[in-house]
Each structure stands twice: as C-alpha cells, then as structure tokens.
Amino acid sequence: MNRIIENNYQSAEPEVGMGVTELCYSDRHAYTVIAVDEKTITVQQDKSVRTDKNGMSDAQSYAYESNPSGRTYTLRKRKKDGHWVATPKGNPNVFMIGHRDEYYDFSR
C-alpha cells in the first residue's frame, strides 16, 4: 500500500509545523517539519498515541503530540521524482510532506 501512495502522492511545499509521514515497507510514522532552508528540511518524529480500541486491526486511529526528543532527519527533494528522502543516505524510505499518519502493520 505504501508504494502505491509513494508513487501517486504529490508532496506539499514544506512549512515549519506541517505534518509529515515516513512511508516504510508497510508501516507509517508521523513527523513534524521543524526547520526549512533552501535545499533541505528537518523533520522530527511525533509521539503517536493510539486512540481506537480495535486491537491488532487495520482500522487504527492516532492522536499526535510534539516529541522534543523524537528522532530527526534532514531531508532533501530528489530531482528525478520529487520525493523527499533522508540525507545522507541511510534511510531508504520516502517522506510524504503535508500529511501526518501513523500505522502499524500487525501482519508482518
């Protein structure tokens, strides 16, 4: 599912405070833009708290809070496809700017 999203989503122009989603193999992680400069942006992982009572289900909902000690990444926009990726290369995932989402795939 995440690869379908990745190939069809057009990221928004980043602004400080905007939501970001890291698209992993099947999981998704919520971040917030904390800095923007000419060629890069910095994002910090949010604290995501599950708000539903669905257990090990695909139907998941979350509340998001700022996390000052959350993991940070510096991202750059790839020219070939417009996707935002971590720099230096070390995290192969694409980050979707303008939408905050958390999801845990229990089936893996």
PDB file of N, CA and C in Angstrom:
ATOM      1  N   MET A   1       0.819  -1.201   0.000  1.00  0.00           N
ATOM      2  CA  MET A   1       0.000   0.000   0.000  1.00  0.00           C
ATOM      3  C   MET A   1       0.858   1.258   0.000  1.00  0.00           C
ATOM      4  N   ASN A   2       1.936   1.265   0.809  1.00  0.00           N
ATOM      5  CA  ASN A   2       2.774   2.458   0.896  1.00  0.00           C
ATOM      6  C   ASN A   2       3.433   2.791  -0.427  1.00  0.00           C
ATOM      7  N   ARG A   3       3.790   1.799  -1.228  1.00  0.00           N
ATOM      8  CA  ARG A   3       4.411   2.068  -2.534  1.00  0.00           C
ATOM      9  C   ARG A   3       3.404   2.709  -3.479  1.00  0.00           C
ATOM     10  N   ILE A   4       2.133   2.332  -3.378  1.00  0.00           N
ATOM     11  CA  ILE A   4       1.091   2.971  -4.191  1.00  0.00           C
ATOM     12  C   ILE A   4       0.963   4.431  -3.799  1.00  0.00           C
ATOM     13  N   ILE A   5       0.926   4.706  -2.494  1.00  0.00           N
ATOM     14  CA  ILE A   5       0.856   6.087  -2.010  1.00  0.00           C
ATOM     15  C   ILE A   5       2.076   6.861  -2.495  1.00  0.00           C
ATOM     16  N   GLU A   6       3.254   6.284  -2.312  1.00  0.00           N
ATOM     17  CA  GLU A   6       4.510   6.939  -2.682  1.00  0.00           C
ATOM     18  C   GLU A   6       4.520   7.346  -4.157  1.00  0.00           C
ATOM     19  N   ASN A   7       4.027   6.479  -5.019  1.00  0.00           N
ATOM     20  CA  ASN A   7       4.075   6.747  -6.454  1.00  0.00           C
ATOM     21  C   ASN A   7       2.973   7.674  -6.949  1.00  0.00           C
ATOM     22  N   ASN A   8       1.973   7.948  -6.117  1.00  0.00           N
ATOM     23  CA  ASN A   8       0.855   8.780  -6.556  1.00  0.00           C
ATOM     24  C   ASN A   8       0.643  10.039  -5.737  1.00  0.00           C
ATOM     25  N   TYR A   9       1.496  10.299  -4.746  1.00  0.00           N
ATOM     26  CA  TYR A   9       1.308  11.449  -3.866  1.00  0.00           C
ATOM     27  C   TYR A   9       2.234  12.589  -4.272  1.00  0.00           C
ATOM     28  N   GLN A  10       1.700  13.782  -4.344  1.00  0.00           N
ATOM     29  CA  GLN A  10       2.497  14.975  -4.620  1.00  0.00           C
ATOM     30  C   GLN A  10       2.663  15.736  -3.299  1.00  0.00           C
ATOM     31  N   SER A  11       3.885  15.811  -2.782  1.00  0.00           N
ATOM     32  CA  SER A  11       4.123  16.483  -1.510  1.00  0.00           C
ATOM     33  C   SER A  11       3.831  17.982  -1.607  1.00  0.00           C
ATOM     34  N   ALA A  12       3.370  18.539  -0.497  1.00  0.00           N
ATOM     35  CA  ALA A  12       3.117  19.977  -0.401  1.00  0.00           C
ATOM     36  C   ALA A  12       4.440  20.716  -0.232  1.00  0.00           C
ATOM     37  N   GLU A  13       4.408  22.020  -0.435  1.00  0.00           N
ATOM     38  CA  GLU A  13       5.587  22.861  -0.173  1.00  0.00           C
ATOM     39  C   GLU A  13       5.766  22.911   1.344  1.00  0.00           C
ATOM     40  N   PRO A  14       6.933  22.483   1.848  1.00  0.00           N
ATOM     41  CA  PRO A  14       7.104  22.352   3.302  1.00  0.00           C
ATOM     42  C   PRO A  14       7.110  23.691   4.040  1.00  0.00           C
ATOM     43  N   GLU A  15       6.493  23.676   5.216  1.00  0.00           N
ATOM     44  CA  GLU A  15       6.485  24.813   6.145  1.00  0.00           C
ATOM     45  C   GLU A  15       6.693  24.272   7.541  1.00  0.00           C
ATOM     46  N   VAL A  16       7.327  25.048   8.404  1.00  0.00           N
ATOM     47  CA  VAL A  16       7.524  24.638   9.789  1.00  0.00           C
ATOM     48  C   VAL A  16       6.162  24.372  10.430  1.00  0.00           C
ATOM     49  N   GLY A  17       6.054  23.239  11.134  1.00  0.00           N
ATOM     50  CA  GLY A  17       4.817  22.840  11.798  1.00  0.00           C
ATOM     51  C   GLY A  17       3.954  21.898  10.988  1.00  0.00           C
ATOM     52  N   MET A  18       4.276  21.734   9.717  1.00  0.00           N
ATOM     53  CA  MET A  18       3.485  20.878   8.832  1.00  0.00           C
ATOM     54  C   MET A  18       3.707  19.404   9.162  1.00  0.00           C
ATOM     55  N   GLY A  19       2.698  18.585   8.969  1.00  0.00           N
ATOM     56  CA  GLY A  19       2.794  17.158   9.190  1.00  0.00           C
ATOM     57  C   GLY A  19       3.553  16.451   8.081  1.00  0.00           C
ATOM     58  N   VAL A  20       4.201  15.335   8.437  1.00  0.00           N
ATOM     59  CA  VAL A  20       4.994  14.533   7.507  1.00  0.00           C
ATOM     60  C   VAL A  20       4.756  13.068   7.843  1.00  0.00           C
ATOM     61  N   THR A  21       4.748  12.215   6.819  1.00  0.00           N
ATOM     62  CA  THR A  21       4.610  10.775   7.023  1.00  0.00           C
ATOM     63  C   THR A  21       5.787  10.063   6.384  1.00  0.00           C
ATOM     64  N   GLU A  22       6.471   9.227   7.175  1.00  0.00           N
ATOM     65  CA  GLU A  22       7.523   8.373   6.647  1.00  0.00           C
ATOM     66  C   GLU A  22       6.859   7.096   6.148  1.00  0.00           C
ATOM     67  N   LEU A  23       7.069   6.774   4.875  1.00  0.00           N
ATOM     68  CA  LEU A  23       6.482   5.574   4.274  1.00  0.00           C
ATOM     69  C   LEU A  23       7.503   4.451   4.328  1.00  0.00           C
ATOM     70  N   CYS A  24       7.343   3.562   5.285  1.00  0.00           N
ATOM     71  CA  CYS A  24       8.223   2.405   5.418  1.00  0.00           C
ATOM     72  C   CYS A  24       7.689   1.290   4.515  1.00  0.00           C
ATOM     73  N   TYR A  25       8.200   0.084   4.679  1.00  0.00           N
ATOM     74  CA  TYR A  25       7.727  -1.018   3.831  1.00  0.00           C
ATOM     75  C   TYR A  25       6.211  -1.193   3.963  1.00  0.00           C
ATOM     76  N   SER A  26       5.713  -1.330   5.181  1.00  0.00           N
ATOM     77  CA  SER A  26       4.260  -1.415   5.372  1.00  0.00           C
ATOM     78  C   SER A  26       3.776  -0.530   6.514  1.00  0.00           C
ATOM     79  N   ASP A  27       4.670  -0.084   7.373  1.00  0.00           N
ATOM     80  CA  ASP A  27       4.318   0.838   8.458  1.00  0.00           C
ATOM     81  C   ASP A  27       4.424   2.281   7.974  1.00  0.00           C
ATOM     82  N   ARG A  28       3.827   3.190   8.748  1.00  0.00           N
ATOM     83  CA  ARG A  28       3.980   4.625   8.510  1.00  0.00           C
ATOM     84  C   ARG A  28       4.260   5.290   9.848  1.00  0.00           C
ATOM     85  N   HIS A  29       5.081   6.343   9.832  1.00  0.00           N
ATOM     86  CA  HIS A  29       5.429   7.057  11.057  1.00  0.00           C
ATOM     87  C   HIS A  29       5.203   8.547  10.881  1.00  0.00           C
ATOM     88  N   ALA A  30       4.662   9.185  11.931  1.00  0.00           N
ATOM     89  CA  ALA A  30       4.314  10.599  11.891  1.00  0.00           C
ATOM     90  C   ALA A  30       5.472  11.476  12.351  1.00  0.00           C
ATOM     91  N   TYR A  31       5.678  12.576  11.627  1.00  0.00           N
ATOM     92  CA  TYR A  31       6.722  13.559  11.913  1.00  0.00           C
ATOM     93  C   TYR A  31       6.137  14.956  11.765  1.00  0.00           C
ATOM     94  N   THR A  32       6.917  15.956  12.207  1.00  0.00           N
ATOM     95  CA  THR A  32       6.586  17.359  12.017  1.00  0.00           C
ATOM     96  C   THR A  32       7.801  18.064  11.443  1.00  0.00           C
ATOM     97  N   VAL A  33       7.580  18.976  10.492  1.00  0.00           N
ATOM     98  CA  VAL A  33       8.665  19.800   9.957  1.00  0.00           C
ATOM     99  C   VAL A  33       9.084  20.788  11.042  1.00  0.00           C
ATOM    100  N   ILE A  34      10.388  20.791  11.398  1.00  0.00           N
ATOM    101  CA  ILE A  34      10.871  21.710  12.434  1.00  0.00           C
ATOM    102  C   ILE A  34      11.820  22.775  11.886  1.00  0.00           C
ATOM    103  N   ALA A  35      12.297  22.611  10.649  1.00  0.00           N
ATOM    104  CA  ALA A  35      13.160  23.625  10.032  1.00  0.00           C
ATOM    105  C   ALA A  35      13.111  23.483   8.524  1.00  0.00           C
ATOM    106  N   VAL A  36      13.156  24.628   7.841  1.00  0.00           N
ATOM    107  CA  VAL A  36      13.165  24.648   6.382  1.00  0.00           C
ATOM    108  C   VAL A  36      14.256  25.608   5.939  1.00  0.00           C
ATOM    109  N   ASP A  37      15.137  25.160   5.021  1.00  0.00           N
ATOM    110  CA  ASP A  37      16.066  26.087   4.394  1.00  0.00           C
ATOM    111  C   ASP A  37      16.035  25.852   2.888  1.00  0.00           C
ATOM    112  N   GLU A  38      16.960  26.439   2.157  1.00  0.00           N
ATOM    113  CA  GLU A  38      16.883  26.425   0.695  1.00  0.00           C
ATOM    114  C   GLU A  38      16.762  25.039   0.070  1.00  0.00           C
ATOM    115  N   LYS A  39      17.593  24.099   0.484  1.00  0.00           N
ATOM    116  CA  LYS A  39      17.629  22.801  -0.179  1.00  0.00           C
ATOM    117  C   LYS A  39      17.193  21.631   0.687  1.00  0.00           C
ATOM    118  N   THR A  40      17.035  21.839   1.990  1.00  0.00           N
ATOM    119  CA  THR A  40      16.688  20.735   2.883  1.00  0.00           C
ATOM    120  C   THR A  40      15.610  21.161   3.871  1.00  0.00           C
ATOM    121  N   ILE A  41      14.999  20.154   4.477  1.00  0.00           N
ATOM    122  CA  ILE A  41      14.101  20.387   5.607  1.00  0.00           C
ATOM    123  C   ILE A  41      14.508  19.416   6.714  1.00  0.00           C
ATOM    124  N   THR A  42      14.187  19.761   7.941  1.00  0.00           N
ATOM    125  CA  THR A  42      14.437  18.874   9.079  1.00  0.00           C
ATOM    126  C   THR A  42      13.088  18.497   9.661  1.00  0.00           C
ATOM    127  N   VAL A  43      12.919  17.187   9.895  1.00  0.00           N
ATOM    128  CA  VAL A  43      11.677  16.680  10.478  1.00  0.00           C
ATOM    129  C   VAL A  43      11.992  15.956  11.773  1.00  0.00           C
ATOM    130  N   GLN A  44      11.031  15.971  12.699  1.00  0.00           N
ATOM    131  CA  GLN A  44      11.195  15.293  13.983  1.00  0.00           C
ATOM    132  C   GLN A  44       9.991  14.395  14.225  1.00  0.00           C
ATOM    133  N   GLN A  45      10.272  13.147  14.673  1.00  0.00           N
ATOM    134  CA  GLN A  45       9.199  12.175  14.882  1.00  0.00           C
ATOM    135  C   GLN A  45       8.292  12.611  16.020  1.00  0.00           C
ATOM    136  N   ASP A  46       6.996  12.493  15.796  1.00  0.00           N
ATOM    137  CA  ASP A  46       5.985  12.835  16.794  1.00  0.00           C
ATOM    138  C   ASP A  46       5.762  11.674  17.752  1.00  0.00           C
ATOM    139  N   LYS A  47       5.134  11.965  18.869  1.00  0.00           N
ATOM    140  CA  LYS A  47       4.635  10.918  19.753  1.00  0.00           C
ATOM    141  C   LYS A  47       3.232  10.595  19.239  1.00  0.00           C
ATOM    142  N   SER A  48       3.030   9.346  18.851  1.00  0.00           N
ATOM    143  CA  SER A  48       1.744   8.899  18.311  1.00  0.00           C
ATOM    144  C   SER A  48       1.072   7.997  19.333  1.00  0.00           C
ATOM    145  N   VAL A  49      -0.131   8.368  19.740  1.00  0.00           N
ATOM    146  CA  VAL A  49      -0.871   7.631  20.762  1.00  0.00           C
ATOM    147  C   VAL A  49      -2.118   7.036  20.120  1.00  0.00           C
ATOM    148  N   ARG A  50      -2.252   5.740  20.199  1.00  0.00           N
ATOM    149  CA  ARG A  50      -3.400   5.044  19.610  1.00  0.00           C
ATOM    150  C   ARG A  50      -4.667   5.432  20.367  1.00  0.00           C
ATOM    151  N   THR A  51      -5.720   5.819  19.627  1.00  0.00           N
ATOM    152  CA  THR A  51      -6.960   6.286  20.248  1.00  0.00           C
ATOM    153  C   THR A  51      -8.139   5.341  20.056  1.00  0.00           C
ATOM    154  N   ASP A  52      -7.988   4.335  19.192  1.00  0.00           N
ATOM    155  CA  ASP A  52      -9.086   3.384  18.992  1.00  0.00           C
ATOM    156  C   ASP A  52      -8.924   2.202  19.953  1.00  0.00           C
ATOM    157  N   LYS A  53      -9.899   1.333  19.959  1.00  0.00           N
ATOM    158  CA  LYS A  53      -9.862   0.137  20.804  1.00  0.00           C
ATOM    159  C   LYS A  53      -9.986  -1.119  19.938  1.00  0.00           C
ATOM    160  N   ASN A  54      -9.381  -1.085  18.750  1.00  0.00           N
ATOM    161  CA  ASN A  54      -9.534  -2.156  17.779  1.00  0.00           C
ATOM    162  C   ASN A  54      -8.477  -3.251  17.881  1.00  0.00           C
ATOM    163  N   GLY A  55      -7.553  -3.148  18.804  1.00  0.00           N
ATOM    164  CA  GLY A  55      -6.540  -4.183  18.969  1.00  0.00           C
ATOM    165  C   GLY A  55      -5.679  -4.351  17.730  1.00  0.00           C
ATOM    166  N   MET A  56      -5.364  -5.598  17.409  1.00  0.00           N
ATOM    167  CA  MET A  56      -4.499  -5.886  16.258  1.00  0.00           C
ATOM    168  C   MET A  56      -5.322  -5.829  14.973  1.00  0.00           C
ATOM    169  N   SER A  57      -5.653  -4.627  14.557  1.00  0.00           N
ATOM    170  CA  SER A  57      -6.553  -4.403  13.441  1.00  0.00           C
ATOM    171  C   SER A  57      -5.943  -3.430  12.444  1.00  0.00           C
ATOM    172  N   ASP A  58      -6.427  -3.457  11.212  1.00  0.00           N
ATOM    173  CA  ASP A  58      -6.026  -2.463  10.220  1.00  0.00           C
ATOM    174  C   ASP A  58      -6.709  -1.125  10.466  1.00  0.00           C
ATOM    175  N   ALA A  59      -7.831  -1.125  11.173  1.00  0.00           N
ATOM    176  CA  ALA A  59      -8.554   0.102  11.476  1.00  0.00           C
ATOM    177  C   ALA A  59      -7.914   0.754  12.701  1.00  0.00           C
ATOM    178  N   GLN A  60      -7.045   1.715  12.458  1.00  0.00           N
ATOM    179  CA  GLN A  60      -6.288   2.365  13.531  1.00  0.00           C
ATOM    180  C   GLN A  60      -6.467   3.873  13.457  1.00  0.00           C
ATOM    181  N   SER A  61      -6.555   4.510  14.623  1.00  0.00           N
ATOM    182  CA  SER A  61      -6.565   5.973  14.686  1.00  0.00           C
ATOM    183  C   SER A  61      -5.603   6.413  15.787  1.00  0.00           C
ATOM    184  N   TYR A  62      -5.011   7.578  15.584  1.00  0.00           N
ATOM    185  CA  TYR A  62      -3.970   8.073  16.483  1.00  0.00           C
ATOM    186  C   TYR A  62      -4.172   9.547  16.785  1.00  0.00           C
ATOM    187  N   ALA A  63      -3.679   9.958  17.939  1.00  0.00           N
ATOM    188  CA  ALA A  63      -3.521  11.369  18.295  1.00  0.00           C
ATOM    189  C   ALA A  63      -2.020  11.637  18.273  1.00  0.00           C
ATOM    190  N   TYR A  64      -1.640  12.837  17.888  1.00  0.00           N
ATOM    191  CA  TYR A  64      -0.221  13.173  17.729  1.00  0.00           C
ATOM    192  C   TYR A  64       0.170  14.303  18.660  1.00  0.00           C
ATOM    193  N   GLU A  65       1.358  14.154  19.247  1.00  0.00           N
ATOM    194  CA  GLU A  65       1.906  15.170  20.137  1.00  0.00           C
ATOM    195  C   GLU A  65       3.335  15.463  19.723  1.00  0.00           C
ATOM    196  N   SER A  66       3.770  16.678  19.969  1.00  0.00           N
ATOM    197  CA  SER A  66       5.161  17.039  19.734  1.00  0.00           C
ATOM    198  C   SER A  66       6.056  16.202  20.640  1.00  0.00           C
ATOM    199  N   ASN A  67       7.216  15.807  20.140  1.00  0.00           N
ATOM    200  CA  ASN A  67       8.153  14.996  20.917  1.00  0.00           C
ATOM    201  C   ASN A  67       9.554  15.603  20.791  1.00  0.00           C
ATOM    202  N   PRO A  68       9.936  16.485  21.725  1.00  0.00           N
ATOM    203  CA  PRO A  68      11.240  17.156  21.637  1.00  0.00           C
ATOM    204  C   PRO A  68      12.431  16.198  21.592  1.00  0.00           C
ATOM    205  N   SER A  69      12.260  14.961  22.054  1.00  0.00           N
ATOM    206  CA  SER A  69      13.362  14.002  21.997  1.00  0.00           C
ATOM    207  C   SER A  69      13.176  12.981  20.869  1.00  0.00           C
ATOM    208  N   GLY A  70      12.230  13.258  19.955  1.00  0.00           N
ATOM    209  CA  GLY A  70      11.984  12.356  18.838  1.00  0.00           C
ATOM    210  C   GLY A  70      13.130  12.342  17.836  1.00  0.00           C
ATOM    211  N   ARG A  71      13.234  11.246  17.097  1.00  0.00           N
ATOM    212  CA  ARG A  71      14.267  11.088  16.070  1.00  0.00           C
ATOM    213  C   ARG A  71      14.109  12.186  15.013  1.00  0.00           C
ATOM    214  N   THR A  72      15.219  12.717  14.529  1.00  0.00           N
ATOM    215  CA  THR A  72      15.176  13.746  13.491  1.00  0.00           C
ATOM    216  C   THR A  72      15.894  13.254  12.236  1.00  0.00           C
ATOM    217  N   TYR A  73      15.435  13.766  11.102  1.00  0.00           N
ATOM    218  CA  TYR A  73      16.074  13.517   9.817  1.00  0.00           C
ATOM    219  C   TYR A  73      16.167  14.831   9.061  1.00  0.00           C
ATOM    220  N   THR A  74      17.234  14.988   8.320  1.00  0.00           N
ATOM    221  CA  THR A  74      17.341  16.062   7.342  1.00  0.00           C
ATOM    222  C   THR A  74      16.956  15.452   6.007  1.00  0.00           C
ATOM    223  N   LEU A  75      16.024  16.095   5.318  1.00  0.00           N
ATOM    224  CA  LEU A  75      15.517  15.572   4.051  1.00  0.00           C
ATOM    225  C   LEU A  75      15.869  16.497   2.900  1.00  0.00           C
ATOM    226  N   ARG A  76      16.049  15.913   1.732  1.00  0.00           N
ATOM    227  CA  ARG A  76      16.233  16.679   0.504  1.00  0.00           C
ATOM    228  C   ARG A  76      15.263  16.134  -0.536  1.00  0.00           C
ATOM    229  N   LYS A  77      14.919  16.986  -1.483  1.00  0.00           N
ATOM    230  CA  LYS A  77      13.973  16.589  -2.526  1.00  0.00           C
ATOM    231  C   LYS A  77      14.758  16.051  -3.727  1.00  0.00           C
ATOM    232  N   ARG A  78      14.468  14.797  -4.112  1.00  0.00           N
ATOM    233  CA  ARG A  78      15.123  14.205  -5.277  1.00  0.00           C
ATOM    234  C   ARG A  78      14.607  14.867  -6.548  1.00  0.00           C
ATOM    235  N   LYS A  79      15.532  15.202  -7.434  1.00  0.00           N
ATOM    236  CA  LYS A  79      15.145  15.853  -8.682  1.00  0.00           C
ATOM    237  C   LYS A  79      14.409  14.910  -9.625  1.00  0.00           C
ATOM    238  N   LYS A  80      14.790  13.628  -9.630  1.00  0.00           N
ATOM    239  CA  LYS A  80      14.223  12.695 -10.620  1.00  0.00           C
ATOM    240  C   LYS A  80      12.738  12.420 -10.424  1.00  0.00           C
ATOM    241  N   ASP A  81      12.253  12.416  -9.165  1.00  0.00           N
ATOM    242  CA  ASP A  81      10.842  12.084  -8.944  1.00  0.00           C
ATOM    243  C   ASP A  81      10.127  13.006  -7.962  1.00  0.00           C
ATOM    244  N   GLY A  82      10.847  13.974  -7.375  1.00  0.00           N
ATOM    245  CA  GLY A  82      10.221  14.921  -6.449  1.00  0.00           C
ATOM    246  C   GLY A  82       9.954  14.374  -5.065  1.00  0.00           C
ATOM    247  N   HIS A  83      10.430  13.159  -4.761  1.00  0.00           N
ATOM    248  CA  HIS A  83      10.229  12.577  -3.435  1.00  0.00           C
ATOM    249  C   HIS A  83      11.245  13.138  -2.445  1.00  0.00           C
ATOM    250  N   TRP A  84      10.808  13.293  -1.209  1.00  0.00           N
ATOM    251  CA  TRP A  84      11.688  13.739  -0.134  1.00  0.00           C
ATOM    252  C   TRP A  84      12.316  12.511   0.521  1.00  0.00           C
ATOM    253  N   VAL A  85      13.652  12.510   0.649  1.00  0.00           N
ATOM    254  CA  VAL A  85      14.394  11.389   1.215  1.00  0.00           C
ATOM    255  C   VAL A  85      15.427  11.894   2.208  1.00  0.00           C
ATOM    256  N   ALA A  86      15.855  11.014   3.116  1.00  0.00           N
ATOM    257  CA  ALA A  86      16.841  11.372   4.141  1.00  0.00           C
ATOM    258  C   ALA A  86      18.211  11.566   3.503  1.00  0.00           C
ATOM    259  N   THR A  87      18.958  12.503   4.061  1.00  0.00           N
ATOM    260  CA  THR A  87      20.318  12.746   3.622  1.00  0.00           C
ATOM    261  C   THR A  87      21.194  12.898   4.859  1.00  0.00           C
ATOM    262  N   PRO A  88      22.393  12.334   4.954  1.00  0.00           N
ATOM    263  CA  PRO A  88      22.972  11.461   3.941  1.00  0.00           C
ATOM    264  C   PRO A  88      22.179  10.168   3.861  1.00  0.00           C
ATOM    265  N   LYS A  89      22.357   9.462   2.778  1.00  0.00           N
ATOM    266  CA  LYS A  89      21.602   8.231   2.549  1.00  0.00           C
ATOM    267  C   LYS A  89      21.872   7.246   3.679  1.00  0.00           C
ATOM    268  N   GLY A  90      20.873   6.770   4.290  1.00  0.00           N
ATOM    269  CA  GLY A  90      20.976   5.834   5.398  1.00  0.00           C
ATOM    270  C   GLY A  90      19.591   5.302   5.727  1.00  0.00           C
ATOM    271  N   ASN A  91      18.588   6.065   5.327  1.00  0.00           N
ATOM    272  CA  ASN A  91      17.198   5.667   5.493  1.00  0.00           C
ATOM    273  C   ASN A  91      16.598   5.616   4.089  1.00  0.00           C
ATOM    274  N   PRO A  92      16.223   4.452   3.597  1.00  0.00           N
ATOM    275  CA  PRO A  92      15.749   4.337   2.215  1.00  0.00           C
ATOM    276  C   PRO A  92      14.299   4.782   2.008  1.00  0.00           C
ATOM    277  N   ASN A  93      13.622   5.179   3.058  1.00  0.00           N
ATOM    278  CA  ASN A  93      12.194   5.479   2.963  1.00  0.00           C
ATOM    279  C   ASN A  93      11.932   6.857   2.379  1.00  0.00           C
ATOM    280  N   VAL A  94      10.757   7.005   1.788  1.00  0.00           N
ATOM    281  CA  VAL A  94      10.281   8.281   1.264  1.00  0.00           C
ATOM    282  C   VAL A  94       9.430   8.946   2.338  1.00  0.00           C
ATOM    283  N   PHE A  95       9.508  10.271   2.427  1.00  0.00           N
ATOM    284  CA  PHE A  95       8.727  11.048   3.380  1.00  0.00           C
ATOM    285  C   PHE A  95       7.710  11.875   2.602  1.00  0.00           C
ATOM    286  N   MET A  96       6.455  11.795   3.017  1.00  0.00           N
ATOM    287  CA  MET A  96       5.350  12.473   2.370  1.00  0.00           C
ATOM    288  C   MET A  96       5.077  13.774   3.144  1.00  0.00           C
ATOM    289  N   ILE A  97       5.283  14.914   2.513  1.00  0.00           N
ATOM    290  CA  ILE A  97       5.140  16.211   3.173  1.00  0.00           C
ATOM    291  C   ILE A  97       3.701  16.703   3.034  1.00  0.00           C
ATOM    292  N   GLY A  98       3.124  17.168   4.140  1.00  0.00           N
ATOM    293  CA  GLY A  98       1.779  17.741   4.116  1.00  0.00           C
ATOM    294  C   GLY A  98       0.698  16.837   4.682  1.00  0.00           C
ATOM    295  N   HIS A  99       1.080  15.669   5.156  1.00  0.00           N
ATOM    296  CA  HIS A  99       0.107  14.733   5.722  1.00  0.00           C
ATOM    297  C   HIS A  99       0.787  13.939   6.836  1.00  0.00           C
ATOM    298  N   ARG A 100       0.174  13.885   8.001  1.00  0.00           N
ATOM    299  CA  ARG A 100       0.737  13.167   9.161  1.00  0.00           C
ATOM    300  C   ARG A 100      -0.081  11.899   9.387  1.00  0.00           C
ATOM    301  N   ASP A 101       0.612  10.737   9.410  1.00  0.00           N
ATOM    302  CA  ASP A 101      -0.098   9.477   9.587  1.00  0.00           C
ATOM    303  C   ASP A 101       0.809   8.467  10.280  1.00  0.00           C
ATOM    304  N   GLU A 102       0.225   7.658  11.130  1.00  0.00           N
ATOM    305  CA  GLU A 102       0.913   6.562  11.826  1.00  0.00           C
ATOM    306  C   GLU A 102       0.111   5.298  11.537  1.00  0.00           C
ATOM    307  N   TYR A 103       0.814   4.200  11.314  1.00  0.00           N
ATOM    308  CA  TYR A 103       0.150   2.920  11.062  1.00  0.00           C
ATOM    309  C   TYR A 103       1.121   1.814  11.397  1.00  0.00           C
ATOM    310  N   TYR A 104       0.647   0.806  12.098  1.00  0.00           N
ATOM    311  CA  TYR A 104       1.480  -0.355  12.422  1.00  0.00           C
ATOM    312  C   TYR A 104       0.854  -1.578  11.774  1.00  0.00           C
ATOM    313  N   ASP A 105       1.653  -2.282  10.964  1.00  0.00           N
ATOM    314  CA  ASP A 105       1.191  -3.486  10.274  1.00  0.00           C
ATOM    315  C   ASP A 105       1.424  -4.695  11.183  1.00  0.00           C
ATOM    316  N   PHE A 106       0.380  -5.222  11.779  1.00  0.00           N
ATOM    317  CA  PHE A 106       0.493  -6.358  12.700  1.00  0.00           C
ATOM    318  C   PHE A 106       0.748  -7.673  11.968  1.00  0.00           C
ATOM    319  N   SER A 107       0.568  -7.701  10.664  1.00  0.00           N
ATOM    320  CA  SER A 107       0.672  -8.968   9.931  1.00  0.00           C
ATOM    321  C   SER A 107       2.098  -9.370   9.587  1.00  0.00           C
ATOM    322  N   ARG A 108       3.062  -8.511   9.824  1.00  0.00           N
ATOM    323  CA  ARG A 108       4.431  -8.899   9.454  1.00  0.00           C
ATOM    324  C   ARG A 108       5.176  -9.528  10.576  1.00  0.00           C
TER     325      ARG A 108
END
